[in-house]
Amino acid sequence: MRIAVDAMGGDHAPEEIVRGALQGLEFLGESDELFLVGRENVIHAHIASEKASDGRVRVCHTPNVIEMDDSPVEALKQKKDSSIFAMAKMAADRTVDAVISAGNTGAFAAACQLKMRTLGVVQRPGIAVVLPSFAGPLTVCDAGANVAPKPSHLLQYAQMASAYAEIILKIPNPRVGLLSIGGEDVKGNPLVKQSNEILKRDRSVNFIGNVEGREIFSGACEVAVSDGFVGNVVLKLTEGLAIGLLKTIAREVATESEELAKRIEPVIETIWRKHDYSEYGGAPLLGVDGTCIICHGSSDHRAIKNAVRIATEFIRSDLNQLMMERLTEVPINA
């Protein structure tokens, strides 16, 4: 197994990225390899600071970096010597089995789609994000790769995300809900209404119908399907609400009593760990011919370490093969 990590991508690169990648070596076998991609001198300096000496680590030099605020399309045209572009090419050439980046999401997703191509009959890849809900992990797909999908895309997202939830998250026969403004079939925009019809006819997923935003965190379903625009808004809203809520509780408790604050602090920490995106590592770009893990831009070493873990689980489970068996070939214009 060969895993490549973008050492230059993310708000805390390269220090946190390199540290997390090196910690992720614990999930690799003795004959596996970890490729750190980016500016060679910078990567070696951080490897030295971690006092890490492991024969499984390889450094691949790329002189350029796609910044977080770069236009994905322009960056891929002008920075073909960047770490993101190089990793996508490595995956396409089968030099590595998985690629991981916390850098520019748009550029990384676009580069992987461009170089790695799609898997089998997949029309458009989708980002599958795992969110912690009150009833367990919830997989939302798509979370930003495709903001203007067709109903056939949402059907394939449901099929791929169901396989991901079942194999990686160990959820048997996960229930699939279609995000909408109401539970009734007649509710929603044309995309939602048409997707509802096509999902009801499919027998490869456990489709339960439309679900509202307030329902997905109470256990109504284990997989929620949406277009990338809505999915990304749900993701960012959830992150902001969780952080803000926990900070507000901690602040209010602290103003009441110092003793009470000390007693409740471990409880808040436990809740935070259960709802911390770092524990889930990264989000796979489902539907590309390979393994692509997209990490949060603010990922720390824990998130990168867990992203390496997710990548190894993805590869060892042969998830792509399982998804190909479940995918339905539908007309392009459906």
Protein backbone atom coordinates (compact mmCIF):
# COMPACT_ATOMS: atom_id res chain seq x y z
CA MET A 1 0.00 0.00 0.00
CA ARG A 2 1.31 3.43 -0.98
CA ILE A 3 -0.25 6.60 0.41
CA ALA A 4 0.62 10.16 -0.63
CA VAL A 5 -0.01 13.19 1.60
CA ASP A 6 0.08 16.81 0.46
CA ALA A 7 2.55 18.27 2.96
CA MET A 8 1.90 21.82 1.75
CA GLY A 9 -1.91 21.85 1.93
CA GLY A 10 -3.94 23.29 4.80
CA ASP A 11 -4.01 26.15 7.28
CA HIS A 12 -1.45 24.42 9.50
CA ALA A 13 0.87 23.09 6.81
CA PRO A 14 3.49 21.84 6.75
CA GLU A 15 4.17 21.25 10.47
CA GLU A 16 0.84 19.68 11.48
CA ILE A 17 0.46 17.84 8.18
CA VAL A 18 3.87 16.18 8.36
CA ARG A 19 3.40 15.34 12.03
CA GLY A 20 0.02 13.72 11.41
CA ALA A 21 1.22 11.82 8.36
CA LEU A 22 4.15 10.39 10.31
CA GLN A 23 1.83 9.38 13.15
CA GLY A 24 -0.34 7.67 10.55
CA LEU A 25 2.48 5.23 9.85
CA GLU A 26 1.05 3.09 12.64
CA PHE A 27 -1.76 2.08 10.27
CA LEU A 28 0.64 0.95 7.53
CA GLY A 29 2.34 -2.39 7.18
CA GLU A 30 6.07 -3.01 7.08
CA SER A 31 6.16 -3.13 3.27
CA ASP A 32 3.88 -0.10 2.79
CA GLU A 33 5.09 3.39 1.85
CA LEU A 34 4.16 6.94 2.83
CA PHE A 35 4.89 9.69 0.29
CA LEU A 36 5.15 13.28 1.55
CA VAL A 37 4.66 15.59 -1.42
CA GLY A 38 5.80 19.22 -1.50
CA ARG A 39 8.90 21.35 -1.05
CA GLU A 40 11.65 18.90 -0.22
CA ASN A 41 13.78 21.05 2.08
CA VAL A 42 10.75 22.10 4.14
CA ILE A 43 9.48 18.53 4.50
CA HIS A 44 12.89 17.17 5.53
CA ALA A 45 13.21 19.93 8.13
CA HIS A 46 9.91 18.95 9.74
CA ILE A 47 10.71 15.24 9.58
CA ALA A 48 13.93 16.05 11.45
CA SER A 49 12.07 18.11 14.04
CA GLU A 50 9.79 15.16 14.70
CA LYS A 51 12.88 12.98 15.17
CA ALA A 52 11.24 10.48 12.83
CA SER A 53 13.35 7.92 11.07
CA ASP A 54 11.33 5.38 9.11
CA GLY A 55 12.36 3.63 5.93
CA ARG A 56 8.79 3.65 4.69
CA VAL A 57 8.78 7.46 4.26
CA ARG A 58 9.47 8.94 0.83
CA VAL A 59 9.72 12.64 -0.03
CA CYS A 60 8.57 13.83 -3.46
CA HIS A 61 9.67 17.34 -4.37
CA THR A 62 7.27 19.80 -6.00
CA PRO A 63 8.32 23.47 -6.11
CA ASN A 64 4.87 25.06 -6.27
CA VAL A 65 1.84 25.26 -3.97
CA ILE A 66 -1.82 25.87 -4.78
CA GLU A 67 -2.95 28.35 -2.15
CA MET A 68 -6.29 28.12 -0.37
CA ASP A 69 -7.64 31.23 -2.12
CA ASP A 70 -6.45 30.29 -5.61
CA SER A 71 -9.07 29.71 -8.31
CA PRO A 72 -9.13 25.91 -8.78
CA VAL A 73 -9.33 26.07 -12.58
CA GLU A 74 -6.62 28.71 -12.98
CA ALA A 75 -4.37 27.05 -10.39
CA LEU A 76 -4.47 23.71 -12.19
CA LYS A 77 -3.60 25.41 -15.48
CA GLN A 78 -0.75 27.51 -14.09
CA LYS A 79 0.63 25.31 -11.29
CA LYS A 80 1.14 21.90 -12.79
CA ASP A 81 4.29 21.63 -10.67
CA SER A 82 2.24 21.87 -7.45
CA SER A 83 1.84 19.18 -4.80
CA ILE A 84 -1.88 18.73 -5.54
CA PHE A 85 -1.43 18.25 -9.27
CA ALA A 86 1.55 15.93 -8.74
CA MET A 87 -0.39 13.71 -6.34
CA ALA A 88 -3.34 13.40 -8.72
CA LYS A 89 -0.94 12.34 -11.47
CA MET A 90 0.74 9.83 -9.14
CA ALA A 91 -2.66 8.28 -8.40
CA ALA A 92 -3.56 8.19 -12.09
CA ASP A 93 -0.25 6.50 -12.92
CA ARG A 94 -0.80 3.99 -10.08
CA THR A 95 2.38 5.16 -8.39
CA VAL A 96 0.31 5.49 -5.20
CA ASP A 97 -2.93 3.89 -4.04
CA ALA A 98 -4.36 6.87 -2.15
CA VAL A 99 -3.93 10.65 -2.02
CA ILE A 100 -4.71 12.95 0.92
CA SER A 101 -4.85 16.75 1.07
CA ALA A 102 -6.12 19.48 3.40
CA GLY A 103 -5.37 22.09 0.75
CA ASN A 104 -7.63 23.86 -1.75
CA THR A 105 -10.68 21.55 -1.90
CA GLY A 106 -11.86 22.72 -5.30
CA ALA A 107 -8.44 22.29 -6.87
CA PHE A 108 -7.84 18.90 -5.25
CA ALA A 109 -11.24 17.51 -6.26
CA ALA A 110 -10.87 18.89 -9.79
CA ALA A 111 -7.33 17.52 -10.18
CA CYS A 112 -8.41 14.05 -9.03
CA GLN A 113 -11.40 14.02 -11.36
CA LEU A 114 -9.25 15.24 -14.24
CA LYS A 115 -6.34 12.84 -13.81
CA MET A 116 -7.84 9.80 -12.06
CA ARG A 117 -11.08 9.75 -14.09
CA THR A 118 -14.30 8.24 -12.81
CA LEU A 119 -15.06 4.76 -11.58
CA GLY A 120 -17.04 2.55 -13.92
CA VAL A 121 -20.44 4.08 -14.73
CA VAL A 122 -20.08 7.01 -12.30
CA GLN A 123 -21.18 10.24 -13.93
CA ARG A 124 -19.98 12.75 -11.32
CA PRO A 125 -17.95 12.03 -8.15
CA GLY A 126 -19.26 13.32 -4.83
CA ILE A 127 -17.69 14.20 -1.48
CA ALA A 128 -18.98 12.02 1.38
CA VAL A 129 -18.64 13.78 4.73
CA VAL A 130 -19.28 11.98 8.02
CA LEU A 131 -21.02 14.17 10.58
CA PRO A 132 -21.54 13.14 14.21
CA SER A 133 -25.24 13.11 15.03
CA PHE A 134 -27.09 12.38 18.29
CA ALA A 135 -27.86 8.91 16.97
CA GLY A 136 -24.45 8.04 15.50
CA PRO A 137 -22.41 8.90 12.40
CA LEU A 138 -24.27 10.46 9.48
CA THR A 139 -22.85 10.43 5.93
CA VAL A 140 -23.77 13.43 3.77
CA CYS A 141 -23.12 13.21 0.02
CA ASP A 142 -22.44 15.45 -1.84
CA ALA A 143 -20.71 18.06 0.34
CA GLY A 144 -19.29 20.33 -2.33
CA ALA A 145 -18.00 18.58 -5.45
CA ASN A 146 -21.11 19.03 -7.61
CA VAL A 147 -23.29 22.08 -6.97
CA ALA A 148 -25.54 21.53 -10.01
CA PRO A 149 -26.25 17.79 -10.17
CA LYS A 150 -28.86 15.79 -12.04
CA PRO A 151 -31.21 13.27 -10.39
CA SER A 152 -29.04 10.43 -11.74
CA HIS A 153 -26.07 11.90 -9.86
CA LEU A 154 -28.01 11.89 -6.59
CA LEU A 155 -28.99 8.26 -7.18
CA GLN A 156 -25.35 7.30 -7.57
CA TYR A 157 -24.41 9.34 -4.49
CA ALA A 158 -26.98 7.34 -2.53
CA GLN A 159 -25.55 4.06 -3.82
CA MET A 160 -21.91 4.98 -3.16
CA ALA A 161 -22.52 6.62 0.23
CA SER A 162 -24.57 3.60 1.35
CA ALA A 163 -21.66 1.31 0.55
CA TYR A 164 -19.29 3.64 2.39
CA ALA A 165 -21.51 3.75 5.50
CA GLU A 166 -21.93 -0.01 5.48
CA ILE A 167 -18.30 -1.00 4.93
CA ILE A 168 -16.33 1.78 6.64
CA LEU A 169 -18.77 2.87 9.37
CA LYS A 170 -20.15 -0.67 9.94
CA ILE A 171 -23.82 0.37 9.58
CA PRO A 172 -25.90 -2.50 8.15
CA ASN A 173 -28.42 -1.53 5.45
CA PRO A 174 -28.15 2.24 6.11
CA ARG A 175 -31.29 4.30 5.60
CA VAL A 176 -31.02 6.93 2.88
CA GLY A 177 -32.85 10.25 3.09
CA LEU A 178 -33.12 12.95 0.44
CA LEU A 179 -32.61 16.41 1.94
CA SER A 180 -35.63 18.59 1.28
CA ILE A 181 -37.81 21.32 2.78
CA GLY A 182 -40.47 18.80 3.76
CA GLY A 183 -41.04 15.09 4.23
CA GLU A 184 -43.79 14.82 1.64
CA ASP A 185 -42.88 13.64 -1.86
CA VAL A 186 -44.43 16.77 -3.38
CA LYS A 187 -42.10 19.08 -1.43
CA GLY A 188 -38.84 20.46 -2.83
CA ASN A 189 -37.44 21.96 -6.00
CA PRO A 190 -37.53 20.13 -9.37
CA LEU A 191 -34.22 18.39 -8.65
CA VAL A 192 -35.50 16.99 -5.34
CA LYS A 193 -38.85 15.90 -6.79
CA GLN A 194 -37.23 14.12 -9.75
CA SER A 195 -34.57 12.55 -7.52
CA ASN A 196 -37.25 11.29 -5.15
CA GLU A 197 -38.95 9.46 -8.01
CA ILE A 198 -35.76 7.85 -9.30
CA LEU A 199 -34.64 6.84 -5.79
CA LYS A 200 -38.01 5.24 -5.01
CA ARG A 201 -37.65 2.99 -8.06
CA ASP A 202 -34.14 1.85 -7.16
CA ARG A 203 -33.80 -1.30 -5.05
CA SER A 204 -30.07 -1.12 -4.33
CA VAL A 205 -30.49 1.42 -1.50
CA ASN A 206 -32.72 1.62 1.57
CA PHE A 207 -34.46 4.83 0.56
CA ILE A 208 -36.88 6.23 3.16
CA GLY A 209 -37.95 9.39 1.31
CA ASN A 210 -37.43 13.08 1.92
CA VAL A 211 -35.94 14.26 5.22
CA GLU A 212 -35.78 17.77 6.61
CA GLY A 213 -32.58 19.33 7.91
CA ARG A 214 -33.74 19.10 11.53
CA GLU A 215 -34.32 15.35 11.20
CA ILE A 216 -30.90 14.22 10.03
CA PHE A 217 -29.30 14.72 13.46
CA SER A 218 -31.99 12.85 15.35
CA GLY A 219 -31.46 9.51 13.63
CA ALA A 220 -33.97 9.67 10.78
CA CYS A 221 -31.35 8.26 8.40
CA GLU A 222 -27.71 7.23 8.24
CA VAL A 223 -27.08 8.66 4.75
CA ALA A 224 -28.35 12.05 3.56
CA VAL A 225 -28.18 12.88 -0.15
CA SER A 226 -28.17 16.40 -1.59
CA ASP A 227 -26.60 18.63 -4.20
CA GLY A 228 -23.12 19.91 -3.34
CA PHE A 229 -24.32 23.44 -2.53
CA VAL A 230 -26.83 22.36 0.12
CA GLY A 231 -24.51 19.65 1.43
CA ASN A 232 -21.66 22.10 1.94
CA VAL A 233 -23.95 24.59 3.71
CA VAL A 234 -25.13 21.79 6.04
CA LEU A 235 -21.51 20.84 6.75
CA LYS A 236 -20.34 24.38 7.55
CA LEU A 237 -23.48 25.20 9.56
CA THR A 238 -23.04 22.04 11.63
CA GLU A 239 -19.40 22.82 12.38
CA GLY A 240 -20.12 26.39 13.41
CA LEU A 241 -23.14 25.47 15.52
CA ALA A 242 -21.34 22.66 17.37
CA ILE A 243 -18.33 24.83 18.21
CA GLY A 244 -20.46 27.82 19.19
CA LEU A 245 -22.83 25.77 21.34
CA LEU A 246 -20.08 24.07 23.31
CA LYS A 247 -18.24 27.36 23.86
CA THR A 248 -21.46 29.01 25.05
CA ILE A 249 -22.18 26.20 27.52
CA ALA A 250 -18.62 26.30 28.86
CA ARG A 251 -18.73 30.08 29.24
CA GLU A 252 -22.10 30.11 31.02
CA VAL A 253 -21.05 27.34 33.40
CA ALA A 254 -17.82 29.19 34.21
CA THR A 255 -19.75 32.33 35.18
CA GLU A 256 -21.96 30.35 37.56
CA SER A 257 -19.35 28.56 39.62
CA GLU A 258 -15.65 27.74 39.34
CA GLU A 259 -16.24 24.42 41.07
CA LEU A 260 -19.08 23.54 38.71
CA ALA A 261 -16.89 24.49 35.74
CA LYS A 262 -14.18 22.06 36.89
CA ARG A 263 -16.74 19.28 37.30
CA ILE A 264 -18.38 19.77 33.93
CA GLU A 265 -15.19 20.35 31.92
CA PRO A 266 -14.50 16.60 31.39
CA VAL A 267 -18.09 16.15 30.18
CA ILE A 268 -17.70 18.95 27.62
CA GLU A 269 -14.39 17.50 26.47
CA THR A 270 -16.02 14.08 25.98
CA ILE A 271 -18.86 15.61 23.96
CA TRP A 272 -16.38 17.59 21.89
CA ARG A 273 -14.35 14.49 21.06
CA LYS A 274 -17.50 12.71 19.87
CA HIS A 275 -18.40 15.67 17.63
CA ASP A 276 -14.91 16.63 16.48
CA TYR A 277 -14.37 16.28 12.71
CA SER A 278 -10.72 15.43 13.39
CA GLU A 279 -11.81 12.02 14.63
CA TYR A 280 -13.23 11.23 11.18
CA GLY A 281 -10.02 12.29 9.41
CA GLY A 282 -11.26 13.31 6.00
CA ALA A 283 -13.97 12.94 3.40
CA PRO A 284 -13.52 10.55 0.48
CA LEU A 285 -14.25 11.73 -3.03
CA LEU A 286 -16.49 8.83 -4.00
CA GLY A 287 -16.59 7.84 -7.63
CA VAL A 288 -13.01 8.44 -8.75
CA ASP A 289 -10.90 5.51 -9.93
CA GLY A 290 -8.71 5.35 -6.84
CA THR A 291 -8.74 6.67 -3.29
CA CYS A 292 -8.91 10.42 -2.69
CA ILE A 293 -9.35 11.78 0.85
CA ILE A 294 -10.21 15.47 1.22
CA CYS A 295 -9.41 16.95 4.64
CA HIS A 296 -10.71 20.07 6.34
CA GLY A 297 -8.57 23.14 5.67
CA SER A 298 -7.93 23.62 9.39
CA SER A 299 -6.91 19.98 9.94
CA ASP A 300 -4.40 19.38 12.71
CA HIS A 301 -2.11 16.37 13.10
CA ARG A 302 -4.92 14.26 14.59
CA ALA A 303 -7.12 14.80 11.54
CA ILE A 304 -4.30 13.91 9.14
CA LYS A 305 -3.41 10.82 11.14
CA ASN A 306 -7.04 9.69 10.96
CA ALA A 307 -7.16 10.52 7.25
CA VAL A 308 -4.33 8.04 6.74
CA ARG A 309 -6.36 5.51 8.71
CA ILE A 310 -9.45 6.13 6.56
CA ALA A 311 -7.36 5.73 3.40
CA THR A 312 -6.01 2.36 4.55
CA GLU A 313 -9.53 1.16 5.43
CA PHE A 314 -10.82 2.33 2.05
CA ILE A 315 -8.12 0.39 0.21
CA ARG A 316 -8.21 -2.77 2.33
CA SER A 317 -11.99 -3.06 2.14
CA ASP A 318 -11.87 -2.85 -1.68
CA LEU A 319 -14.70 -0.31 -1.39
CA ASN A 320 -14.44 0.80 -5.02
CA GLN A 321 -15.19 -2.72 -6.23
CA LEU A 322 -18.22 -2.95 -3.94
CA MET A 323 -19.52 0.40 -5.16
CA MET A 324 -19.13 -0.71 -8.78
CA GLU A 325 -21.31 -3.74 -8.04
CA ARG A 326 -24.04 -1.53 -6.61
CA LEU A 327 -23.93 1.36 -9.05
CA THR A 328 -26.78 1.70 -11.47
CA GLU A 329 -26.09 2.80 -15.03
CA VAL A 330 -28.60 5.53 -15.76
CA PRO A 331 -29.04 7.77 -18.82
CA ILE A 332 -26.74 10.80 -18.79
CA ASN A 333 -29.71 13.16 -19.14
CA ALA A 334 -31.70 11.56 -16.31
